[in-house]
Each structure stands twice: as structure tokens, then as C-alpha cells.
N, C-alpha and C. Protein backbone atom coordinates (compact mmCIF):
# COMPACT_ATOMS: atom_id res chain seq x y z
N UNK A 1 0.63 -1.08 0.08
CA UNK A 1 -0.28 -0.02 0.26
C UNK A 1 0.63 1.21 0.12
N UNK A 2 0.52 2.41 -0.69
CA UNK A 2 1.50 3.60 -0.79
C UNK A 2 1.36 4.30 0.81
N UNK A 3 2.56 4.80 0.79
CA UNK A 3 2.46 5.37 2.19
C UNK A 3 1.69 6.25 2.69
N UNK A 4 1.08 7.34 1.56
CA UNK A 4 -0.04 8.50 2.04
C UNK A 4 -1.38 7.60 2.25
N UNK A 5 -1.67 6.31 1.42
CA UNK A 5 -2.62 5.25 2.39
C UNK A 5 -2.37 5.01 3.65
N UNK A 6 -1.50 4.40 3.93
CA UNK A 6 -1.18 4.18 5.71
C UNK A 6 -1.35 4.98 6.10
N UNK A 7 -0.83 6.34 6.14
CA UNK A 7 -0.80 7.28 6.70
C UNK A 7 -2.21 7.97 7.19
N UNK A 8 -3.30 7.89 6.06
CA UNK A 8 -4.19 8.04 6.29
C UNK A 8 -5.23 7.14 7.29
N UNK A 9 -4.93 5.93 6.97
CA UNK A 9 -5.13 5.16 8.11
C UNK A 9 -4.95 4.97 9.41
N UNK A 10 -3.80 5.60 9.61
CA UNK A 10 -3.03 5.55 11.10
C UNK A 10 -3.64 6.94 11.40
N UNK A 11 -3.98 7.91 10.87
CA UNK A 11 -4.73 9.08 11.06
C UNK A 11 -6.13 8.70 11.93
N UNK A 12 -6.74 7.88 10.70
CA UNK A 12 -8.13 7.67 10.87
C UNK A 12 -8.24 6.79 11.90
N UNK A 13 -7.51 5.69 12.24
CA UNK A 13 -7.88 4.78 13.28
C UNK A 13 -7.04 5.66 15.02
N UNK A 14 -6.37 6.10 14.71
CA UNK A 14 -5.34 7.08 16.03
C UNK A 14 -6.46 7.81 16.57
N UNK A 15 -7.37 8.13 15.79
CA UNK A 15 -8.48 9.17 16.37
C UNK A 15 -9.33 8.65 16.94
N UNK A 16 -9.86 7.26 16.91
CA UNK A 16 -11.07 6.71 17.52
C UNK A 16 -10.71 5.34 18.14
N UNK A 17 -9.15 5.20 18.51
CA UNK A 17 -9.21 3.99 19.38
C UNK A 17 -9.72 4.13 20.78
N UNK A 18 -9.44 5.86 21.40
CA UNK A 18 -10.13 5.69 22.80
C UNK A 18 -11.62 4.90 23.03
N UNK A 19 -12.22 5.52 22.03
CA UNK A 19 -13.85 5.45 21.45
C UNK A 19 -14.07 3.59 21.17
N UNK A 20 -12.96 2.98 20.24
CA UNK A 20 -13.37 1.75 19.92
C UNK A 20 -13.37 0.69 21.23
N UNK A 21 -12.07 1.08 22.18
CA UNK A 21 -11.64 0.54 23.31
C UNK A 21 -12.70 0.38 24.49
N UNK A 22 -13.75 1.58 24.51
CA UNK A 22 -14.68 1.78 25.26
C UNK A 22 -15.74 1.10 24.87
N UNK A 23 -16.21 1.22 23.57
CA UNK A 23 -17.23 0.39 23.34
C UNK A 23 -17.09 -1.22 23.23
N UNK A 24 -15.58 -1.63 22.91
CA UNK A 24 -15.44 -2.75 23.10
C UNK A 24 -15.61 -3.28 24.47
N UNK A 25 -14.82 -2.52 25.50
CA UNK A 25 -15.20 -2.84 26.93
C UNK A 25 -16.72 -3.18 27.43
N UNK A 26 -17.37 -2.00 27.09
CA UNK A 26 -18.68 -2.25 27.57
C UNK A 26 -19.72 -3.11 26.83
N UNK A 27 -19.20 -3.82 25.68
CA UNK A 27 -19.71 -5.09 25.00
C UNK A 27 -19.43 -6.01 25.64
N UNK A 28 -18.01 -6.40 26.22
CA UNK A 28 -17.59 -7.52 26.78
C UNK A 28 -17.54 -7.52 28.25
N UNK A 29 -17.17 -6.29 28.80
CA UNK A 29 -16.68 -6.27 30.24
C UNK A 29 -15.45 -6.75 30.73
N UNK A 30 -14.33 -7.18 29.88
CA UNK A 30 -13.19 -7.66 29.70
C UNK A 30 -12.24 -6.85 29.24
N UNK A 31 -11.23 -6.06 29.69
CA UNK A 31 -10.28 -5.12 29.23
C UNK A 31 -9.38 -6.28 28.30
N UNK A 32 -8.83 -7.15 28.66
CA UNK A 32 -7.84 -7.95 27.55
C UNK A 32 -8.75 -8.45 26.33
N UNK A 33 -9.99 -8.78 26.54
CA UNK A 33 -10.73 -9.27 25.40
C UNK A 33 -11.44 -8.02 24.76
N UNK A 34 -11.50 -7.08 25.25
CA UNK A 34 -11.58 -5.78 24.49
C UNK A 34 -10.75 -5.16 23.59
N UNK A 35 -9.17 -5.34 24.30
CA UNK A 35 -8.36 -4.88 23.25
C UNK A 35 -7.96 -5.76 22.22
N UNK A 36 -8.63 -7.58 22.27
CA UNK A 36 -8.22 -8.47 21.14
C UNK A 36 -9.25 -8.18 20.14
N UNK A 37 -10.24 -7.71 20.60
CA UNK A 37 -11.62 -7.44 19.48
C UNK A 37 -11.42 -6.32 18.82
N UNK A 38 -10.83 -5.20 19.55
CA UNK A 38 -10.50 -3.64 18.99
C UNK A 38 -9.21 -4.29 17.82
N UNK A 39 -8.36 -5.11 18.18
CA UNK A 39 -7.14 -5.25 17.25
C UNK A 39 -7.78 -5.97 16.02
N UNK A 40 -8.51 -7.02 16.21
CA UNK A 40 -9.17 -7.98 15.09
C UNK A 40 -10.06 -6.99 14.08
N UNK A 41 -10.54 -5.86 14.86
CA UNK A 41 -11.40 -4.96 14.18
C UNK A 41 -10.92 -4.20 13.19
N UNK A 42 -9.70 -3.60 13.88
CA UNK A 42 -8.56 -3.02 12.99
C UNK A 42 -8.01 -3.54 12.09
N UNK A 43 -7.20 -4.41 12.28
CA UNK A 43 -6.53 -5.27 11.07
C UNK A 43 -7.76 -5.50 10.15
N UNK A 44 -8.96 -5.82 10.22
CA UNK A 44 -9.88 -6.31 9.08
C UNK A 44 -10.03 -4.61 8.41
N UNK A 45 -10.05 -3.79 9.14
CA UNK A 45 -10.23 -2.27 8.20
C UNK A 45 -9.13 -2.01 7.70
N UNK A 46 -8.19 -2.61 7.84
CA UNK A 46 -6.74 -2.18 7.29
C UNK A 46 -6.63 -2.68 6.01
N UNK A 47 -7.05 -4.28 6.28
CA UNK A 47 -7.25 -5.24 4.69
C UNK A 47 -8.33 -4.57 4.03
N UNK A 48 -9.29 -4.21 4.48
CA UNK A 48 -10.25 -3.44 3.58
C UNK A 48 -9.60 -1.72 3.12
N UNK A 49 -9.21 -1.34 3.79
CA UNK A 49 -8.74 -0.07 3.36
C UNK A 49 -7.52 -0.22 2.19
N UNK A 50 -6.88 -1.08 1.98
CA UNK A 50 -6.12 -1.45 1.05
C UNK A 50 -6.82 -1.62 -0.15
N UNK A 51 -7.95 -2.43 -0.28
CA UNK A 51 -8.65 -2.74 -1.23
C UNK A 51 -9.44 -1.58 -1.79
N UNK A 52 -10.11 -0.68 -0.69
CA UNK A 52 -11.03 0.61 -1.22
C UNK A 52 -9.98 1.72 -1.41
N UNK A 53 -10.24 2.38 -2.27
CA UNK A 53 -9.60 3.88 -2.39
C UNK A 53 -10.54 4.94 -1.35
N UNK A 54 -12.09 4.54 -1.41
CA UNK A 54 -12.87 5.83 -1.00
C UNK A 54 -13.41 4.86 -0.08
N UNK A 55 -13.99 4.91 1.28
CA UNK A 55 -14.76 4.23 1.83
C UNK A 55 -15.98 5.21 2.63
N UNK A 56 -17.12 5.30 2.06
CA UNK A 56 -18.30 6.07 2.28
C UNK A 56 -18.57 6.45 3.46
N UNK A 57 -18.61 5.19 4.44
CA UNK A 57 -18.50 5.46 5.96
C UNK A 57 -17.84 4.26 6.57
N UNK A 58 -16.58 4.85 6.59
CA UNK A 58 -15.78 4.07 7.36
C UNK A 58 -15.92 3.98 8.78
N UNK A 59 -16.95 4.89 9.46
CA UNK A 59 -16.68 4.82 10.98
C UNK A 59 -17.95 4.03 11.13
N UNK A 60 -19.09 4.00 9.98
CA UNK A 60 -20.11 2.83 10.64
C UNK A 60 -19.70 1.47 10.27
N UNK A 61 -18.84 1.49 9.31
CA UNK A 61 -18.15 -0.01 8.70
C UNK A 61 -17.35 -0.51 9.98
N UNK A 62 -16.53 0.16 10.52
CA UNK A 62 -15.53 0.09 11.59
C UNK A 62 -16.82 -0.74 13.09
N UNK A 63 -17.40 0.00 13.37
CA UNK A 63 -18.11 -0.23 14.50
C UNK A 63 -18.83 -1.66 14.07
N UNK A 64 -19.55 -1.68 12.73
CA UNK A 64 -20.01 -3.20 12.17
C UNK A 64 -19.18 -4.28 12.75
N UNK A 65 -17.68 -4.00 12.06
CA UNK A 65 -16.72 -4.95 12.40
C UNK A 65 -16.87 -5.24 13.86
N UNK A 66 -16.52 -3.99 14.60
CA UNK A 66 -16.22 -4.51 16.10
C UNK A 66 -17.48 -5.17 16.70
N UNK A 67 -18.85 -4.73 16.37
CA UNK A 67 -19.74 -5.64 16.94
C UNK A 67 -19.73 -7.05 16.50
N UNK A 68 -19.70 -7.11 14.95
CA UNK A 68 -19.29 -8.55 14.79
C UNK A 68 -18.70 -9.24 15.57
N UNK A 69 -16.89 -8.99 15.72
CA UNK A 69 -16.15 -9.34 16.22
C UNK A 69 -16.67 -9.75 17.71
N UNK A 70 -17.10 -8.99 18.44
CA UNK A 70 -17.90 -9.53 19.80
C UNK A 70 -18.76 -10.31 19.70
N UNK A 71 -19.58 -10.28 18.96
CA UNK A 71 -20.62 -11.26 18.54
C UNK A 71 -20.10 -12.68 18.19
N UNK A 72 -18.99 -12.68 17.62
CA UNK A 72 -18.64 -14.03 17.10
C UNK A 72 -17.82 -14.62 18.42
N UNK A 73 -17.34 -13.61 19.34
CA UNK A 73 -16.42 -14.09 20.10
C UNK A 73 -17.34 -14.61 21.57
N UNK A 74 -18.50 -14.21 21.54
CA UNK A 74 -19.29 -14.82 22.20
C UNK A 74 -19.89 -16.12 21.97
N UNK A 75 -20.01 -16.25 20.76
CA UNK A 75 -20.38 -17.63 20.12
C UNK A 75 -19.77 -18.57 20.32
N UNK A 76 -18.44 -18.28 20.35
CA UNK A 76 -17.51 -19.67 20.67
C UNK A 76 -17.75 -20.21 21.83
N UNK A 77 -17.31 -21.56 21.61
CA UNK A 77 -17.72 -22.50 22.97
C UNK A 77 -17.00 -22.24 24.32
N UNK A 78 -15.44 -22.07 23.98
CA UNK A 78 -14.94 -21.57 25.34
C UNK A 78 -14.81 -20.26 25.91
N UNK A 79 -15.75 -19.62 25.32
CA UNK A 79 -16.32 -18.00 25.89
C UNK A 79 -16.99 -18.49 27.26
N UNK A 80 -16.03 -17.85 28.25
CA UNK A 80 -16.57 -17.88 29.76
C UNK A 80 -16.11 -19.20 30.38
N UNK A 81 -15.11 -19.75 29.85
CA UNK A 81 -14.22 -20.86 30.38
C UNK A 81 -13.20 -20.00 31.49
N UNK A 82 -13.37 -20.31 32.64
CA UNK A 82 -12.03 -19.92 33.50
C UNK A 82 -11.01 -21.09 33.71
N UNK A 83 -9.79 -20.33 33.14
CA UNK A 83 -8.71 -21.58 33.18
C UNK A 83 -7.74 -21.49 34.50
N UNK A 84 -8.49 -20.58 35.91
CA UNK A 84 -7.98 -20.98 36.83
C UNK A 84 -8.92 -21.32 37.84
N UNK A 85 -8.21 -21.36 39.16
CA UNK A 85 -9.47 -21.88 40.05
C UNK A 85 -10.11 -20.34 40.92
N UNK A 86 -9.67 -19.14 40.85
CA UNK A 86 -10.15 -18.14 40.99
C UNK A 86 -9.72 -17.02 40.03
N UNK A 87 -10.85 -15.64 40.11
CA UNK A 87 -10.66 -14.85 39.52
C UNK A 87 -9.15 -13.63 39.95
N UNK A 88 -8.59 -13.31 38.68
CA UNK A 88 -7.37 -12.34 39.19
C UNK A 88 -8.00 -11.47 39.92
N UNK A 89 -7.10 -10.62 40.81
CA UNK A 89 -7.51 -9.41 41.37
C UNK A 89 -6.73 -8.20 40.40
N UNK A 90 -8.02 -7.48 40.57
CA UNK A 90 -7.66 -6.07 39.95
C UNK A 90 -7.94 -5.28 40.71
N UNK A 91 -7.10 -4.07 40.11
CA UNK A 91 -6.70 -2.88 41.28
C UNK A 91 -7.91 -2.06 41.30
N UNK A 92 -8.29 -1.49 42.09
CA UNK A 92 -9.46 -0.50 42.54
C UNK A 92 -9.35 1.01 42.83
N UNK A 93 -10.10 1.80 41.97
CA UNK A 93 -9.73 3.16 42.10
C UNK A 93 -10.62 3.61 43.27
N UNK A 94 -11.29 4.84 43.23
CA UNK A 94 -12.04 5.50 44.19
C UNK A 94 -13.22 4.63 44.06
N UNK A 95 -13.73 4.31 45.48
CA UNK A 95 -14.68 3.10 45.76
C UNK A 95 -16.19 3.23 45.23
N UNK A 96 -16.62 4.89 45.07
CA UNK A 96 -17.99 5.01 44.61
C UNK A 96 -18.02 4.86 42.92
N UNK A 97 -16.54 5.30 42.48
CA UNK A 97 -16.67 4.87 41.17
C UNK A 97 -16.89 3.28 40.81
N UNK A 98 -15.82 2.77 41.47
CA UNK A 98 -16.06 1.20 41.33
C UNK A 98 -16.91 0.37 41.55
N UNK A 99 -17.92 1.13 42.48
CA UNK A 99 -19.02 0.27 42.87
C UNK A 99 -20.37 0.64 41.70
N UNK A 100 -20.13 1.83 41.01
CA UNK A 100 -21.11 2.34 39.92
C UNK A 100 -20.89 1.60 38.73
N UNK A 101 -19.52 1.66 38.40
CA UNK A 101 -19.08 0.59 37.22
C UNK A 101 -19.50 -0.64 37.62
N UNK A 102 -19.21 -1.09 38.27
CA UNK A 102 -19.37 -2.65 38.83
C UNK A 102 -20.68 -3.20 38.67
N UNK A 103 -21.86 -1.97 39.07
CA UNK A 103 -23.20 -2.44 39.11
C UNK A 103 -23.53 -2.27 37.54
N UNK A 104 -22.95 -1.34 36.96
CA UNK A 104 -23.67 -1.40 35.73
C UNK A 104 -23.39 -2.09 34.75
N UNK A 105 -21.93 -2.70 34.92
CA UNK A 105 -20.92 -3.75 34.09
C UNK A 105 -22.07 -5.08 34.36
N UNK A 106 -22.30 -5.03 35.94
CA UNK A 106 -23.15 -6.52 36.55
C UNK A 106 -24.66 -6.58 35.66
N UNK A 107 -25.20 -5.13 35.61
CA UNK A 107 -26.46 -4.90 34.94
C UNK A 107 -26.47 -5.42 33.22
N UNK A 108 -25.42 -4.59 32.89
CA UNK A 108 -25.12 -4.89 31.32
C UNK A 108 -24.92 -6.35 30.94
N UNK A 109 -24.48 -7.48 31.89
CA UNK A 109 -24.25 -8.49 31.71
C UNK A 109 -25.32 -9.47 31.51
N UNK A 110 -26.74 -9.00 32.36
CA UNK A 110 -27.77 -9.97 32.21
C UNK A 110 -28.26 -9.76 31.18
N UNK A 111 -28.06 -8.79 29.71
CA UNK A 111 -28.91 -8.61 28.93
C UNK A 111 -28.26 -9.63 27.91
N UNK A 112 -28.99 -9.76 26.86
CA UNK A 112 -28.70 -10.85 25.92
C UNK A 112 -27.75 -9.83 25.00
N UNK A 113 -26.75 -10.55 24.17
CA UNK A 113 -26.12 -10.05 23.64
C UNK A 113 -26.39 -9.07 22.59
N UNK A 114 -27.57 -9.11 21.74
CA UNK A 114 -27.84 -8.05 20.63
C UNK A 114 -28.72 -6.92 21.49
N UNK A 115 -29.21 -7.16 22.66
CA UNK A 115 -29.57 -5.73 23.37
C UNK A 115 -28.40 -5.22 24.02
N UNK A 116 -27.69 -5.58 24.52
CA UNK A 116 -26.04 -5.42 24.98
C UNK A 116 -25.75 -4.60 23.81
N UNK A 117 -25.51 -4.84 22.62
CA UNK A 117 -24.76 -4.18 21.67
C UNK A 117 -25.56 -3.13 21.13
N UNK A 118 -26.93 -3.17 21.17
CA UNK A 118 -27.49 -1.98 20.76
C UNK A 118 -27.73 -0.86 21.78
N UNK A 119 -27.47 -1.16 22.95
CA UNK A 119 -27.70 -0.35 23.84
C UNK A 119 -26.35 0.69 24.17
N UNK A 120 -25.08 -0.08 24.05
CA UNK A 120 -23.99 0.27 23.98
C UNK A 120 -23.61 1.19 22.64
N UNK A 121 -23.98 0.77 21.48
CA UNK A 121 -24.01 1.78 20.70
C UNK A 121 -24.88 2.90 20.51
N UNK A 122 -26.27 2.82 21.08
CA UNK A 122 -26.72 4.11 20.91
C UNK A 122 -26.40 4.90 22.45
N UNK A 123 -26.03 4.38 23.06
CA UNK A 123 -26.23 5.44 24.39
C UNK A 123 -25.00 5.69 25.09
N UNK A 124 -23.90 4.83 24.75
CA UNK A 124 -22.75 4.92 24.92
C UNK A 124 -21.55 5.52 23.86
N UNK A 125 -21.99 5.10 22.83
CA UNK A 125 -21.25 5.51 21.67
C UNK A 125 -22.04 6.58 20.94
N UNK A 126 -23.14 6.72 21.39
CA UNK A 126 -24.06 8.09 20.86
C UNK A 126 -24.39 7.98 19.28
N UNK A 127 -24.52 6.79 18.81
CA UNK A 127 -25.17 6.53 17.45
C UNK A 127 -26.34 6.54 17.45
N UNK A 128 -26.99 7.26 15.98
CA UNK A 128 -28.05 7.39 15.79
C UNK A 128 -28.78 5.93 15.56
N UNK A 129 -29.93 5.82 15.55
CA UNK A 129 -30.76 4.64 15.31
C UNK A 129 -30.24 3.67 13.97
N UNK A 130 -30.12 4.66 13.06
CA UNK A 130 -29.75 4.51 11.84
C UNK A 130 -28.19 3.82 11.57
N UNK A 131 -27.30 4.76 12.24
CA UNK A 131 -26.03 4.33 12.33
C UNK A 131 -25.82 2.91 13.22
N UNK A 132 -26.62 2.33 14.20
CA UNK A 132 -26.37 1.61 15.21
C UNK A 132 -27.23 0.43 14.32
N UNK A 133 -28.00 0.65 13.64
CA UNK A 133 -28.81 -0.39 13.12
C UNK A 133 -27.96 -0.96 11.74
N UNK A 134 -27.00 -0.05 11.19
CA UNK A 134 -26.40 -0.61 10.20
C UNK A 134 -25.06 -1.20 10.42
N UNK A 135 -24.73 -0.78 12.00
CA UNK A 135 -23.32 -1.66 12.93
C UNK A 135 -24.20 -2.80 13.01
N UNK A 136 -25.04 -3.12 13.41
CA UNK A 136 -25.74 -3.91 13.69
C UNK A 136 -26.72 -5.11 12.80
N UNK A 137 -26.55 -4.59 11.52
CA UNK A 137 -26.88 -5.03 10.33
C UNK A 137 -28.19 -5.75 10.60
N UNK A 138 -29.06 -4.87 10.94
CA UNK A 138 -30.57 -5.19 11.13
C UNK A 138 -31.46 -3.67 10.75
N UNK A 139 -32.44 -3.87 11.13
CA UNK A 139 -33.43 -2.61 10.72
C UNK A 139 -33.74 -1.91 12.08
N UNK A 140 -34.07 -0.55 11.66
CA UNK A 140 -33.93 0.44 12.66
C UNK A 140 -35.22 0.14 13.77
N UNK A 141 -36.28 -0.63 13.51
CA UNK A 141 -37.11 -0.81 14.32
C UNK A 141 -36.54 -2.08 15.06
N UNK A 142 -35.92 -2.57 14.86
CA UNK A 142 -35.36 -3.53 15.61
C UNK A 142 -34.34 -3.05 16.76
N UNK A 143 -33.42 -2.21 16.11
CA UNK A 143 -32.54 -1.21 17.33
C UNK A 143 -33.55 -1.14 17.98
N UNK A 144 -34.38 -0.06 18.07
CA UNK A 144 -35.46 0.58 18.87
C UNK A 144 -35.90 -0.71 19.88
N UNK A 145 -36.50 -1.54 19.31
CA UNK A 145 -36.90 -2.73 20.16
C UNK A 145 -35.87 -3.12 20.89
N UNK A 146 -34.85 -3.56 20.66
CA UNK A 146 -33.71 -4.32 21.39
C UNK A 146 -33.19 -2.99 22.64
N UNK A 147 -33.29 -1.96 22.10
CA UNK A 147 -33.04 -0.88 22.92
C UNK A 147 -34.24 -0.76 24.16
N UNK A 148 -35.47 -0.65 23.73
CA UNK A 148 -36.23 -0.73 24.83
C UNK A 148 -36.36 -1.79 25.74
N UNK A 149 -36.25 -2.87 25.09
CA UNK A 149 -36.24 -4.02 26.08
C UNK A 149 -35.29 -4.06 26.97
N UNK A 150 -33.90 -4.01 26.47
CA UNK A 150 -32.78 -3.93 27.20
C UNK A 150 -32.88 -2.78 28.09
N UNK A 151 -33.44 -1.36 28.20
CA UNK A 151 -33.15 -0.85 29.20
C UNK A 151 -34.27 -1.15 30.16
N UNK A 152 -35.48 -1.45 30.12
CA UNK A 152 -36.46 -2.19 30.61
C UNK A 152 -35.84 -3.10 31.47
N UNK A 153 -35.21 -3.91 31.33
CA UNK A 153 -34.15 -5.07 32.03
C UNK A 153 -32.97 -4.20 33.09
N UNK A 154 -32.40 -3.15 32.41
CA UNK A 154 -31.36 -2.40 33.35
C UNK A 154 -32.13 -1.61 34.46
N UNK A 155 -33.32 -1.21 34.09
CA UNK A 155 -34.13 -0.43 34.91
C UNK A 155 -34.33 -1.28 35.91
N UNK A 156 -34.99 -2.44 35.89
CA UNK A 156 -35.41 -3.54 36.89
C UNK A 156 -34.17 -3.82 37.78
N UNK A 157 -33.20 -4.20 37.07
CA UNK A 157 -31.93 -4.71 37.76
C UNK A 157 -31.11 -4.08 38.57
N UNK A 158 -31.12 -2.39 38.40
CA UNK A 158 -30.59 -1.59 38.76
C UNK A 158 -31.20 -1.15 39.77
N UNK A 159 -32.60 -1.03 39.88
CA UNK A 159 -33.59 -0.48 41.14
C UNK A 159 -33.30 -1.58 42.04
N UNK A 160 -33.60 -2.70 41.55
CA UNK A 160 -33.67 -3.98 42.61
C UNK A 160 -32.55 -3.84 43.31
N UNK A 161 -31.03 -3.29 43.06
CA UNK A 161 -29.96 -3.35 43.57
C UNK A 161 -29.92 -2.35 44.40
N UNK A 162 -30.85 -1.25 44.14
CA UNK A 162 -30.75 -0.04 45.10
C UNK A 162 -31.41 -0.43 46.41
N UNK A 163 -32.92 -1.23 46.15
CA UNK A 163 -33.88 -1.43 46.80
C UNK A 163 -33.30 -2.44 47.95
N UNK A 164 -31.92 -2.94 47.90
CA UNK A 164 -31.82 -4.15 48.76
C UNK A 164 -31.63 -3.70 50.27
N UNK A 165 -31.92 -4.11 51.45
CA UNK A 165 -31.75 -3.14 52.60
C UNK A 165 -30.42 -3.85 52.79
N UNK A 166 -29.83 -3.02 53.54
CA UNK A 166 -28.04 -3.46 54.05
C UNK A 166 -28.60 -3.57 55.61
């Protein structure tokens, strides 16, 4: 590939990496798996970048790749297999922020994969219904219904956690 095309690709991806990492993390809930998903998505985009001189909607295409990688990863039989007898220790930041993040991540894990993907794309990545539909390769009405059902579940799960007496 010509050096100017490589430079164009690097500039495109560099500006989007933090958002891609955040999206992948919110989808899968695991920092290391999120990094793998982002790397796979960026690699796929690079291969396509070489083939196409102009991409009309590179952002939408990249989000579609990212969501597809996440869904593919969830379908693998070994997903969720713990290779040790306990989870590794993770460092914690300020306690309130950790508790809120943990509660949200736990609530997101209760959602089916497509509902989780729709909510993350719509409300965390701030994509329009049409952009989320393109990334998920479904109709806009499907995105709306998945978000509606997912938000109802999240409200129920998060309200239940708040009502628990201490």
C-alpha cells in the first residue's frame, strides 16, 4: 500500500481508538478481550482499506466490524471458561466509582448479546438509530425494540440493587 494511504489509515484509526476500546469494553466487560476485539476489527479494516480507495462510511463500517467480532467471540464454545480456580485480583480506584461501574457492568451482563450491543452503540457511543442498525446489520425498528427491552431490564436490575436493605 502506498505510504499516503497508510498514513491516512493511521490518522483515521488513531483518533478513534479510545472510543473503540470503550465500546468493546462495554460490550464484553473484559479489558483484555476488548483489546483483542479492537485489534481484530482494526486489522480487518486495514485489509479493506488497501482494497478500497474511498470508503463512504468508514466509521459505520468499523463499528459493524467491532460488533461482529464481539458477537463472534460470544458464540465460541470456550467463551466464559475460567482457566484458573479463581478470578485474578484487579486494582480498584475510588470506591464509589468502582461500585457504580461494577453495578452497571453486572447489569449489562444480564442482557442478551444483541440488546447489550444495541444499548452500547446507542447510548455509550451516541450513534443514531440508523447508524446502530447499520453496525448491527438489522432494521432501525429492531434497534429501537432491542434498546427498549434492554433498558427495561437494566432499570429493573439496577432498581433491585438499590432497594436491597443493608
